[in-house]
């Protein structure tokens, strides 16, 4: 036979939830660009994607054409 659910007291519920809290992410500074970013995450800087101080995806350069002859 099924067991009826018992009510969880406010105190018990709150004790369980004390450990669940939002923490600030750890930030670090890139040695190459000097930009502050989240640790263990790739970040965009000036159109290029960096990870661990190295370029992962290079920025595309815009080629300007002059109409002068």
Protein backbone atom coordinates (compact mmCIF):
# COMPACT_ATOMS: atom_id res chain seq x y z
CA UNK A 1 0.00 0.00 0.00
CA UNK A 2 1.21 3.51 -0.75
CA UNK A 3 2.69 5.54 2.04
CA UNK A 4 1.09 8.94 2.56
CA UNK A 5 3.36 11.92 2.01
CA UNK A 6 4.30 13.73 5.18
CA UNK A 7 4.64 17.45 5.44
CA UNK A 8 8.16 18.85 5.66
CA UNK A 9 8.43 21.49 8.33
CA UNK A 10 9.57 25.04 7.58
CA UNK A 11 12.67 24.56 9.70
CA UNK A 12 13.71 21.37 7.92
CA UNK A 13 13.10 22.93 4.49
CA UNK A 14 15.11 26.04 5.37
CA UNK A 15 18.02 24.01 6.76
CA UNK A 16 18.26 22.18 3.43
CA UNK A 17 18.17 25.40 1.43
CA UNK A 18 20.89 27.21 3.41
CA UNK A 19 23.59 25.78 1.15
CA UNK A 20 21.92 26.91 -2.08
CA UNK A 21 23.13 30.40 -2.77
CA UNK A 22 24.36 32.33 -5.74
CA UNK A 23 28.10 32.96 -5.73
CA UNK A 24 30.08 35.43 -7.78
CA UNK A 25 32.06 33.91 -10.66
CA UNK A 26 35.84 33.86 -10.35
CA UNK A 27 37.42 36.42 -12.67
CA UNK A 28 40.94 36.58 -14.03
CA UNK A 29 42.94 38.84 -16.34
CA UNK A 30 44.16 37.61 -19.72
CA UNK A 31 47.96 37.93 -20.00
CA UNK A 32 47.72 38.66 -23.75
CA UNK A 33 44.91 41.22 -23.96
CA UNK A 34 44.69 42.38 -20.35
CA UNK A 35 40.92 41.92 -20.43
CA UNK A 36 39.03 40.64 -17.38
CA UNK A 37 37.04 37.46 -18.09
CA UNK A 38 35.48 34.43 -16.37
CA UNK A 39 37.94 31.64 -15.60
CA UNK A 40 37.86 28.54 -17.83
CA UNK A 41 35.74 30.34 -20.44
CA UNK A 42 36.65 31.63 -23.88
CA UNK A 43 36.02 35.35 -24.44
CA UNK A 44 35.80 37.76 -27.37
CA UNK A 45 38.21 40.68 -27.56
CA UNK A 46 38.44 43.00 -30.58
CA UNK A 47 36.68 40.45 -32.79
CA UNK A 48 38.96 37.51 -31.90
CA UNK A 49 38.11 34.60 -29.61
CA UNK A 50 40.72 33.96 -26.88
CA UNK A 51 41.18 31.02 -24.51
CA UNK A 52 44.09 30.66 -22.06
CA UNK A 53 45.83 33.65 -23.64
CA UNK A 54 45.82 32.19 -27.15
CA UNK A 55 43.75 33.10 -30.20
CA UNK A 56 41.20 30.39 -30.99
CA UNK A 57 39.32 32.19 -33.79
CA UNK A 58 41.07 35.03 -35.60
CA UNK A 59 39.13 38.22 -36.38
CA UNK A 60 38.26 38.77 -40.00
CA UNK A 61 39.94 41.88 -41.38
CA UNK A 62 37.79 44.32 -43.32
CA UNK A 63 39.30 45.15 -46.73
CA UNK A 64 38.48 48.67 -47.87
CA UNK A 65 38.57 49.35 -51.58
CA UNK A 66 39.46 52.79 -52.85
CA UNK A 67 37.61 54.13 -55.90
CA UNK A 68 40.48 56.48 -56.85
CA UNK A 69 42.28 56.07 -60.16
